[in-house]
Amino acid sequence: MTLRQKRSATLSARAVVRRCYLFDISSEILARSSRPFPVEPVRTLDAIHRAMIELMSASADLVTVITRDHRIRDNAVALGYRVE
């Protein structure tokens, strides 16, 4: 990778980070993540992501889940989220 490519990649990564939100994993998140999923099995991080989505939005209509993982996709659809 050239120096120019490294700089471009760094700038791109910084642009993505500026659009991200950080949330603490609270006891409420942990409690929500322990609830059963419509399609099992799921991984721990998937459960935490679902709990965060639920806390961020009062309505599934306001959320689009973007994933390539079939477990996340199947559960998101079953829970009423749009999926891309």
N, C-alpha and C. Protein backbone atom coordinates (compact mmCIF):
# COMPACT_ATOMS: atom_id res chain seq x y z
N MET A 1 0.86 -1.17 0.00
CA MET A 1 0.00 0.00 0.00
C MET A 1 0.90 1.23 0.00
N THR A 2 0.59 2.15 -0.88
CA THR A 2 1.39 3.37 -0.96
C THR A 2 1.00 4.33 0.16
N LEU A 3 1.84 5.31 0.38
CA LEU A 3 1.56 6.31 1.40
C LEU A 3 0.26 7.04 1.09
N ARG A 4 0.03 7.34 -0.17
CA ARG A 4 -1.22 8.01 -0.58
C ARG A 4 -2.43 7.14 -0.28
N GLN A 5 -2.34 5.85 -0.55
CA GLN A 5 -3.45 4.93 -0.25
C GLN A 5 -3.70 4.84 1.25
N LYS A 6 -2.61 4.82 2.04
CA LYS A 6 -2.76 4.77 3.50
C LYS A 6 -3.46 6.01 4.01
N ARG A 7 -3.07 7.17 3.49
CA ARG A 7 -3.71 8.42 3.92
C ARG A 7 -5.19 8.42 3.55
N SER A 8 -5.49 7.97 2.34
CA SER A 8 -6.88 7.91 1.90
C SER A 8 -7.70 6.96 2.77
N ALA A 9 -7.13 5.81 3.09
CA ALA A 9 -7.82 4.84 3.95
C ALA A 9 -8.04 5.42 5.34
N THR A 10 -7.05 6.11 5.86
CA THR A 10 -7.17 6.72 7.18
C THR A 10 -8.27 7.78 7.20
N LEU A 11 -8.30 8.62 6.18
CA LEU A 11 -9.35 9.64 6.10
C LEU A 11 -10.73 9.02 5.98
N SER A 12 -10.84 7.95 5.20
CA SER A 12 -12.12 7.26 5.06
C SER A 12 -12.56 6.66 6.39
N ALA A 13 -11.64 6.04 7.10
CA ALA A 13 -11.97 5.43 8.39
C ALA A 13 -12.40 6.51 9.39
N ARG A 14 -11.73 7.64 9.40
CA ARG A 14 -12.11 8.73 10.31
C ARG A 14 -13.50 9.26 9.99
N ALA A 15 -13.85 9.34 8.70
CA ALA A 15 -15.18 9.80 8.30
C ALA A 15 -16.25 8.85 8.81
N VAL A 16 -15.99 7.56 8.76
CA VAL A 16 -16.95 6.57 9.27
C VAL A 16 -17.10 6.71 10.77
N VAL A 17 -16.01 6.84 11.48
CA VAL A 17 -16.04 6.95 12.94
C VAL A 17 -16.83 8.18 13.37
N ARG A 18 -16.72 9.27 12.64
CA ARG A 18 -17.48 10.49 13.00
C ARG A 18 -18.98 10.29 12.90
N ARG A 19 -19.43 9.32 12.11
CA ARG A 19 -20.87 9.06 11.95
C ARG A 19 -21.37 7.98 12.91
N CYS A 20 -20.51 7.47 13.75
CA CYS A 20 -20.89 6.41 14.68
C CYS A 20 -21.24 6.97 16.05
N TYR A 21 -22.08 6.25 16.74
CA TYR A 21 -22.43 6.59 18.12
C TYR A 21 -21.90 5.50 19.03
N LEU A 22 -21.43 5.88 20.19
CA LEU A 22 -20.97 4.92 21.18
C LEU A 22 -21.96 4.90 22.34
N PHE A 23 -22.28 3.71 22.78
CA PHE A 23 -23.21 3.53 23.89
C PHE A 23 -22.56 2.63 24.93
N ASP A 24 -22.82 2.92 26.17
CA ASP A 24 -22.37 2.03 27.24
C ASP A 24 -23.27 0.80 27.27
N ILE A 25 -22.69 -0.32 27.61
CA ILE A 25 -23.49 -1.54 27.77
C ILE A 25 -23.98 -1.54 29.21
N SER A 26 -25.19 -1.05 29.39
CA SER A 26 -25.77 -0.88 30.72
C SER A 26 -26.45 -2.17 31.17
N SER A 27 -26.93 -2.16 32.39
CA SER A 27 -27.67 -3.32 32.89
C SER A 27 -28.97 -3.51 32.10
N GLU A 28 -29.55 -2.42 31.61
CA GLU A 28 -30.76 -2.52 30.79
C GLU A 28 -30.45 -3.22 29.46
N ILE A 29 -29.32 -2.89 28.87
CA ILE A 29 -28.90 -3.55 27.63
C ILE A 29 -28.68 -5.04 27.89
N LEU A 30 -27.99 -5.37 28.95
CA LEU A 30 -27.74 -6.77 29.26
C LEU A 30 -29.04 -7.53 29.52
N ALA A 31 -29.98 -6.90 30.21
CA ALA A 31 -31.26 -7.56 30.46
C ALA A 31 -32.01 -7.80 29.16
N ARG A 32 -32.04 -6.81 28.29
CA ARG A 32 -32.72 -6.98 26.99
C ARG A 32 -32.03 -8.03 26.14
N SER A 33 -30.72 -8.09 26.20
CA SER A 33 -29.99 -9.03 25.34
C SER A 33 -30.18 -10.48 25.77
N SER A 34 -30.65 -10.69 26.98
CA SER A 34 -30.84 -12.07 27.45
C SER A 34 -32.21 -12.65 27.07
N ARG A 35 -33.08 -11.82 26.49
CA ARG A 35 -34.40 -12.32 26.07
C ARG A 35 -34.24 -13.26 24.88
N PRO A 36 -35.16 -14.20 24.72
CA PRO A 36 -35.07 -15.14 23.60
C PRO A 36 -35.28 -14.45 22.25
N PHE A 37 -34.70 -15.02 21.23
CA PHE A 37 -34.85 -14.54 19.86
C PHE A 37 -35.86 -15.40 19.12
N PRO A 38 -36.50 -14.86 18.09
CA PRO A 38 -37.42 -15.68 17.30
C PRO A 38 -36.70 -16.82 16.59
N VAL A 39 -35.47 -16.58 16.15
CA VAL A 39 -34.69 -17.59 15.43
C VAL A 39 -33.40 -17.82 16.21
N GLU A 40 -33.25 -19.00 16.76
CA GLU A 40 -32.06 -19.32 17.54
C GLU A 40 -31.16 -20.25 16.73
N PRO A 41 -29.89 -20.36 16.99
CA PRO A 41 -29.12 -19.67 18.03
C PRO A 41 -28.61 -18.33 17.53
N VAL A 42 -28.28 -17.48 18.48
CA VAL A 42 -27.64 -16.20 18.17
C VAL A 42 -26.38 -16.07 19.03
N ARG A 43 -25.52 -15.20 18.59
CA ARG A 43 -24.28 -14.96 19.34
C ARG A 43 -24.49 -13.79 20.30
N THR A 44 -23.63 -13.71 21.29
CA THR A 44 -23.74 -12.68 22.32
C THR A 44 -23.75 -11.28 21.74
N LEU A 45 -22.83 -11.00 20.83
CA LEU A 45 -22.76 -9.66 20.25
C LEU A 45 -24.02 -9.33 19.45
N ASP A 46 -24.60 -10.33 18.78
CA ASP A 46 -25.85 -10.12 18.06
C ASP A 46 -26.97 -9.72 19.02
N ALA A 47 -27.01 -10.37 20.17
CA ALA A 47 -28.04 -10.05 21.17
C ALA A 47 -27.86 -8.63 21.70
N ILE A 48 -26.63 -8.23 21.91
CA ILE A 48 -26.35 -6.87 22.38
C ILE A 48 -26.75 -5.85 21.32
N HIS A 49 -26.46 -6.13 20.06
CA HIS A 49 -26.86 -5.23 18.98
C HIS A 49 -28.38 -5.08 18.92
N ARG A 50 -29.10 -6.19 19.04
CA ARG A 50 -30.56 -6.11 19.01
C ARG A 50 -31.07 -5.26 20.17
N ALA A 51 -30.51 -5.44 21.34
CA ALA A 51 -30.94 -4.66 22.50
C ALA A 51 -30.69 -3.17 22.27
N MET A 52 -29.57 -2.83 21.66
CA MET A 52 -29.26 -1.43 21.37
C MET A 52 -30.25 -0.85 20.36
N ILE A 53 -30.57 -1.63 19.33
CA ILE A 53 -31.54 -1.17 18.33
C ILE A 53 -32.87 -0.89 19.00
N GLU A 54 -33.30 -1.78 19.88
CA GLU A 54 -34.59 -1.59 20.56
C GLU A 54 -34.58 -0.33 21.41
N LEU A 55 -33.48 -0.05 22.08
CA LEU A 55 -33.42 1.14 22.93
C LEU A 55 -33.34 2.43 22.11
N MET A 56 -32.72 2.36 20.95
CA MET A 56 -32.55 3.55 20.12
C MET A 56 -33.82 3.98 19.41
N SER A 57 -34.72 3.04 19.15
CA SER A 57 -35.89 3.35 18.35
C SER A 57 -37.16 2.79 18.97
N ALA A 58 -38.15 3.63 19.08
CA ALA A 58 -39.43 3.19 19.62
C ALA A 58 -40.22 2.39 18.59
N SER A 59 -39.85 2.50 17.33
CA SER A 59 -40.61 1.85 16.26
C SER A 59 -39.67 1.11 15.31
N ALA A 60 -40.01 -0.14 15.01
CA ALA A 60 -39.22 -0.92 14.05
C ALA A 60 -39.24 -0.29 12.67
N ASP A 61 -40.27 0.51 12.38
CA ASP A 61 -40.36 1.18 11.07
C ASP A 61 -39.24 2.19 10.85
N LEU A 62 -38.62 2.66 11.93
CA LEU A 62 -37.58 3.67 11.82
C LEU A 62 -36.18 3.08 11.67
N VAL A 63 -36.07 1.77 11.65
CA VAL A 63 -34.76 1.11 11.65
C VAL A 63 -34.61 0.24 10.42
N THR A 64 -33.45 0.32 9.80
CA THR A 64 -33.06 -0.62 8.76
C THR A 64 -31.79 -1.30 9.24
N VAL A 65 -31.82 -2.62 9.30
CA VAL A 65 -30.66 -3.40 9.72
C VAL A 65 -29.89 -3.78 8.46
N ILE A 66 -28.63 -3.44 8.44
CA ILE A 66 -27.77 -3.76 7.30
C ILE A 66 -26.81 -4.86 7.73
N THR A 67 -26.92 -6.02 7.09
CA THR A 67 -26.11 -7.16 7.50
C THR A 67 -25.93 -8.14 6.36
N ARG A 68 -24.91 -8.96 6.49
CA ARG A 68 -24.69 -10.08 5.58
C ARG A 68 -24.81 -11.40 6.34
N ASP A 69 -25.08 -11.32 7.63
CA ASP A 69 -25.17 -12.50 8.49
C ASP A 69 -26.61 -13.01 8.49
N HIS A 70 -26.80 -14.27 8.12
CA HIS A 70 -28.16 -14.81 8.02
C HIS A 70 -28.88 -14.86 9.36
N ARG A 71 -28.15 -15.06 10.47
CA ARG A 71 -28.82 -15.09 11.78
C ARG A 71 -29.39 -13.72 12.13
N ILE A 72 -28.59 -12.69 11.88
CA ILE A 72 -29.06 -11.34 12.17
C ILE A 72 -30.23 -10.98 11.25
N ARG A 73 -30.09 -11.30 9.97
CA ARG A 73 -31.16 -11.01 9.00
C ARG A 73 -32.46 -11.71 9.38
N ASP A 74 -32.39 -13.00 9.65
CA ASP A 74 -33.60 -13.76 9.97
C ASP A 74 -34.30 -13.23 11.22
N ASN A 75 -33.52 -12.89 12.23
CA ASN A 75 -34.11 -12.35 13.46
C ASN A 75 -34.65 -10.95 13.26
N ALA A 76 -33.94 -10.12 12.51
CA ALA A 76 -34.42 -8.76 12.26
C ALA A 76 -35.75 -8.78 11.52
N VAL A 77 -35.86 -9.62 10.51
CA VAL A 77 -37.12 -9.75 9.76
C VAL A 77 -38.23 -10.24 10.69
N ALA A 78 -37.93 -11.26 11.49
CA ALA A 78 -38.93 -11.80 12.42
C ALA A 78 -39.39 -10.76 13.46
N LEU A 79 -38.51 -9.81 13.78
CA LEU A 79 -38.84 -8.78 14.76
C LEU A 79 -39.46 -7.53 14.11
N GLY A 80 -39.61 -7.56 12.77
CA GLY A 80 -40.29 -6.45 12.09
C GLY A 80 -39.40 -5.35 11.54
N TYR A 81 -38.09 -5.55 11.53
CA TYR A 81 -37.18 -4.54 11.00
C TYR A 81 -36.98 -4.72 9.50
N ARG A 82 -36.76 -3.62 8.79
CA ARG A 82 -36.35 -3.70 7.39
C ARG A 82 -34.91 -4.16 7.38
N VAL A 83 -34.56 -4.92 6.35
CA VAL A 83 -33.20 -5.47 6.26
C VAL A 83 -32.65 -5.23 4.86
N GLU A 84 -31.41 -4.82 4.83
CA GLU A 84 -30.69 -4.67 3.55
C GLU A 84 -29.43 -5.49 3.63
